[in-house]
Amino acid sequence: MNPTLQPAWLLHRRPFRNTSLIVELFVPALGRVGAVVRGGRKDPLLAPFTPLWIELKSAGELYSFRGCEPRGPRLALQGKPLYCGFYLNELLTRLLHRDDPHPELWPLYEQALNALAEGQWLDVALRQFELGLVEEMGYGIALGYDIHGEALRPDGYYLLDPQQGLLPAQEGYHGNDLLAIVNGDWQPSARKTALHLCRVLLAPHLGDKPLKSRELFREK
């Protein structure tokens, strides 16, 4: 194998000029990067959910894509798992700054994709990735403790301030559900709580522009 190759996933692609592409890639050593692929539109490897080895050359704002090899078979995502995969890719494209390495996020992304491909609980795979993503971005919260550093009470209720954390309250998220999320006990009420919790945590960073993958999922 060429020693200059590095692992990557393709997150997004768009046409560029007559036969080329501009691609968004996720690379453990570099983070999210943009690259120009000359004459790449017909390359079947340049598709989402295909594990790749790639060679890049620095060329200003966008890298020059020098070549790729398969790192494994393309993940067989169809139906809802496919749209969930598009959602993961859109989160990375929207939330990660280019050329900002996030090596700790790489295994979380691969674990989430593999869970989708294996048909595991789709929502749980997404929630685990979302929580890991906000943590890696520096916006995570201590789910087991309130803003005063006190351990959550299973019979208590809490509100979420995305900037500070969980505040004791008379109503809101049930402590038992929050602790279930911490412990990986994905009972139905905990899964519902995790969905709302992650939406609130991500909203300030996604802004007002709707996620295309969510719209696709609703249409199906």
Protein backbone atom coordinates (compact mmCIF):
# COMPACT_ATOMS: atom_id res chain seq x y z
CA MET A 1 0.00 0.00 0.00
CA ASN A 2 1.17 3.51 -0.79
CA PRO A 3 2.60 4.92 2.49
CA THR A 4 1.11 8.36 1.73
CA LEU A 5 -2.46 7.01 1.80
CA GLN A 6 -4.64 7.75 4.81
CA PRO A 7 -8.08 6.47 5.87
CA ALA A 8 -11.12 8.54 4.99
CA TRP A 9 -14.87 8.61 4.52
CA LEU A 10 -16.60 10.70 1.88
CA LEU A 11 -19.27 12.90 3.47
CA HIS A 12 -20.57 14.87 0.49
CA ARG A 13 -19.84 15.46 -3.20
CA ARG A 14 -20.92 18.02 -5.75
CA PRO A 15 -20.13 18.55 -9.44
CA PHE A 16 -17.29 20.86 -10.37
CA ARG A 17 -16.75 22.02 -13.94
CA ASN A 18 -17.31 19.38 -16.63
CA THR A 19 -16.09 16.10 -15.16
CA SER A 20 -14.70 16.90 -11.73
CA LEU A 21 -15.98 16.91 -8.16
CA ILE A 22 -15.57 18.88 -4.99
CA VAL A 23 -15.76 16.43 -2.10
CA GLU A 24 -16.00 16.79 1.65
CA LEU A 25 -13.96 14.11 3.40
CA PHE A 26 -13.59 13.03 7.02
CA VAL A 27 -9.99 12.07 7.83
CA PRO A 28 -8.84 11.21 11.38
CA ALA A 29 -5.59 13.20 11.18
CA LEU A 30 -7.11 16.24 9.43
CA GLY A 31 -10.80 16.38 10.39
CA ARG A 32 -13.18 17.57 7.70
CA VAL A 33 -11.39 18.60 4.51
CA GLY A 34 -12.47 19.76 1.08
CA ALA A 35 -10.76 18.44 -2.05
CA VAL A 36 -10.98 18.77 -5.81
CA VAL A 37 -11.14 15.46 -7.68
CA ARG A 38 -10.19 15.99 -11.33
CA GLY A 39 -12.34 13.83 -13.60
CA GLY A 40 -13.82 12.03 -10.61
CA ARG A 41 -17.52 11.92 -11.43
CA LYS A 42 -17.43 8.38 -12.81
CA ASP A 43 -15.29 6.87 -10.06
CA PRO A 44 -17.59 4.37 -8.26
CA LEU A 45 -15.44 4.52 -5.12
CA LEU A 46 -16.30 8.16 -4.55
CA ALA A 47 -19.60 7.51 -2.81
CA PRO A 48 -20.72 7.88 0.80
CA PHE A 49 -20.30 4.89 3.13
CA THR A 50 -17.35 3.41 1.23
CA PRO A 51 -14.28 3.12 3.48
CA LEU A 52 -11.35 4.60 1.58
CA TRP A 53 -7.62 5.03 1.53
CA ILE A 54 -6.91 8.41 -0.04
CA GLU A 55 -3.94 10.49 -1.09
CA LEU A 56 -4.18 14.27 -0.78
CA LYS A 57 -1.87 17.12 -1.72
CA SER A 58 -2.17 20.51 -0.06
CA ALA A 59 -3.23 23.10 -2.64
CA GLY A 60 -4.64 26.09 -0.80
CA GLU A 61 -8.16 26.15 0.62
CA LEU A 62 -9.04 22.87 -1.10
CA TYR A 63 -6.76 19.85 -1.24
CA SER A 64 -5.91 18.19 -4.53
CA PHE A 65 -7.20 14.61 -4.56
CA ARG A 66 -4.44 12.39 -5.93
CA GLY A 67 -6.08 8.96 -5.75
CA CYS A 68 -7.93 6.42 -3.61
CA GLU A 69 -8.23 2.72 -2.90
CA PRO A 70 -11.00 0.78 -1.13
CA ARG A 71 -10.37 0.15 2.57
CA GLY A 72 -13.21 -2.35 2.71
CA PRO A 73 -16.60 -3.08 1.12
CA ARG A 74 -19.20 -0.34 0.86
CA LEU A 75 -21.64 -0.47 3.77
CA ALA A 76 -25.01 -1.84 2.69
CA LEU A 77 -27.25 0.93 3.99
CA GLN A 78 -30.79 0.96 2.62
CA GLY A 79 -34.08 2.55 3.64
CA LYS A 80 -34.06 4.19 7.07
CA PRO A 81 -30.44 3.23 7.87
CA LEU A 82 -29.37 5.00 4.66
CA TYR A 83 -31.13 8.24 5.66
CA CYS A 84 -29.64 7.95 9.14
CA GLY A 85 -26.22 7.69 7.52
CA PHE A 86 -26.91 10.82 5.48
CA TYR A 87 -27.88 12.53 8.75
CA LEU A 88 -24.53 11.65 10.35
CA ASN A 89 -22.68 12.98 7.31
CA GLU A 90 -24.69 16.18 7.30
CA LEU A 91 -23.95 16.77 10.99
CA LEU A 92 -20.23 16.45 10.37
CA THR A 93 -20.39 18.69 7.30
CA ARG A 94 -22.41 21.36 9.10
CA LEU A 95 -20.74 21.32 12.51
CA LEU A 96 -17.05 20.61 11.95
CA HIS A 97 -14.74 23.37 10.77
CA ARG A 98 -12.49 22.39 7.91
CA ASP A 99 -8.97 21.29 8.78
CA ASP A 100 -9.76 20.94 12.48
CA PRO A 101 -8.67 17.42 13.52
CA HIS A 102 -11.01 15.35 15.68
CA PRO A 103 -9.31 11.95 16.05
CA GLU A 104 -11.55 10.97 18.99
CA LEU A 105 -14.62 11.44 16.78
CA TRP A 106 -13.38 9.02 14.11
CA PRO A 107 -14.13 5.77 16.02
CA LEU A 108 -17.53 7.12 17.12
CA TYR A 109 -18.46 7.76 13.48
CA GLU A 110 -17.33 4.31 12.36
CA GLN A 111 -19.17 2.66 15.27
CA ALA A 112 -22.36 4.52 14.36
CA LEU A 113 -22.12 3.51 10.69
CA ASN A 114 -21.50 -0.12 11.59
CA ALA A 115 -24.47 -0.09 13.97
CA LEU A 116 -26.69 1.24 11.17
CA ALA A 117 -25.38 -1.39 8.75
CA GLU A 118 -26.02 -4.17 11.27
CA GLY A 119 -29.62 -3.04 11.79
CA GLN A 120 -29.19 -2.17 15.46
CA TRP A 121 -31.53 0.35 17.12
CA LEU A 122 -31.19 3.27 14.74
CA ASP A 123 -32.17 5.98 17.20
CA VAL A 124 -29.75 4.70 19.83
CA ALA A 125 -26.89 4.72 17.31
CA LEU A 126 -27.74 8.32 16.41
CA ARG A 127 -28.08 9.49 20.01
CA GLN A 128 -24.76 7.95 21.03
CA PHE A 129 -23.05 9.67 18.11
CA GLU A 130 -24.75 13.03 18.76
CA LEU A 131 -23.73 13.00 22.42
CA GLY A 132 -20.16 12.10 21.46
CA LEU A 133 -20.13 14.82 18.81
CA VAL A 134 -21.19 17.65 21.14
CA GLU A 135 -18.69 16.40 23.71
CA GLU A 136 -15.87 16.39 21.14
CA MET A 137 -16.86 19.88 19.97
CA GLY A 138 -16.54 21.13 23.54
CA TYR A 139 -20.26 21.62 24.17
CA GLY A 140 -21.04 18.46 26.10
CA ILE A 141 -22.78 18.43 29.47
CA ALA A 142 -22.38 16.21 32.53
CA LEU A 143 -25.51 14.08 32.24
CA GLY A 144 -25.02 12.54 35.67
CA TYR A 145 -24.80 15.84 37.56
CA ASP A 146 -26.63 19.14 37.76
CA ILE A 147 -24.99 22.55 37.32
CA HIS A 148 -24.17 22.65 41.05
CA GLY A 149 -22.17 19.42 40.82
CA GLU A 150 -24.81 17.43 42.68
CA ALA A 151 -25.55 13.89 41.47
CA LEU A 152 -28.91 13.61 39.73
CA ARG A 153 -31.75 12.25 41.81
CA PRO A 154 -33.67 9.45 40.09
CA ASP A 155 -36.95 10.97 41.32
CA GLY A 156 -35.97 14.55 40.42
CA TYR A 157 -36.75 16.71 37.39
CA TYR A 158 -34.34 18.85 35.40
CA LEU A 159 -34.30 21.51 32.71
CA LEU A 160 -31.45 21.87 30.23
CA ASP A 161 -29.47 25.02 29.64
CA PRO A 162 -27.23 24.10 26.65
CA GLN A 163 -24.56 26.54 27.87
CA GLN A 164 -24.50 25.41 31.50
CA GLY A 165 -26.06 21.99 31.94
CA LEU A 166 -28.95 20.52 33.91
CA LEU A 167 -30.86 22.64 36.38
CA PRO A 168 -33.08 21.17 39.13
CA ALA A 169 -36.74 22.01 38.43
CA GLN A 170 -40.32 21.11 39.22
CA GLU A 171 -40.83 19.59 35.79
CA GLY A 172 -38.79 18.67 32.72
CA TYR A 173 -36.53 15.68 32.10
CA HIS A 174 -36.99 12.92 34.64
CA GLY A 175 -33.82 12.09 36.55
CA ASN A 176 -34.38 8.37 36.11
CA ASP A 177 -34.39 8.75 32.31
CA LEU A 178 -31.24 10.89 32.32
CA LEU A 179 -29.43 8.34 34.47
CA ALA A 180 -30.63 5.55 32.18
CA ILE A 181 -28.94 7.35 29.25
CA VAL A 182 -25.71 7.64 31.26
CA ASN A 183 -25.84 3.91 32.03
CA GLY A 184 -26.72 2.85 28.48
CA ASP A 185 -30.12 1.54 29.61
CA TRP A 186 -32.08 2.44 26.49
CA GLN A 187 -35.61 1.94 27.77
CA PRO A 188 -38.36 3.67 25.75
CA SER A 189 -38.68 6.72 28.00
CA ALA A 190 -34.89 7.21 28.02
CA ARG A 191 -34.80 7.04 24.22
CA LYS A 192 -37.50 9.70 23.98
CA THR A 193 -35.65 11.91 26.46
CA ALA A 194 -32.36 11.45 24.58
CA LEU A 195 -33.98 12.52 21.31
CA HIS A 196 -35.24 15.79 22.78
CA LEU A 197 -32.04 16.38 24.74
CA CYS A 198 -29.84 16.02 21.65
CA ARG A 199 -32.09 18.29 19.60
CA VAL A 200 -31.71 21.01 22.24
CA LEU A 201 -27.94 20.54 22.48
CA LEU A 202 -27.42 20.68 18.70
CA ALA A 203 -29.86 23.48 17.88
CA PRO A 204 -27.61 26.44 18.78
CA HIS A 205 -24.86 25.11 16.51
CA LEU A 206 -27.03 24.11 13.55
CA GLY A 207 -28.81 27.45 13.29
CA ASP A 208 -32.06 28.00 11.42
CA LYS A 209 -31.16 26.17 8.21
CA PRO A 210 -33.10 22.85 8.15
CA LEU A 211 -31.20 19.58 7.83
CA LYS A 212 -31.85 18.05 4.40
CA SER A 213 -31.50 14.52 5.77
CA ARG A 214 -34.31 15.11 8.30
CA GLU A 215 -36.56 16.31 5.47
CA LEU A 216 -35.73 13.20 3.41
CA PHE A 217 -36.49 10.97 6.40
CA ARG A 218 -39.88 12.62 6.93
CA GLU A 219 -40.75 12.23 3.25
CA LYS A 220 -40.11 8.49 3.46
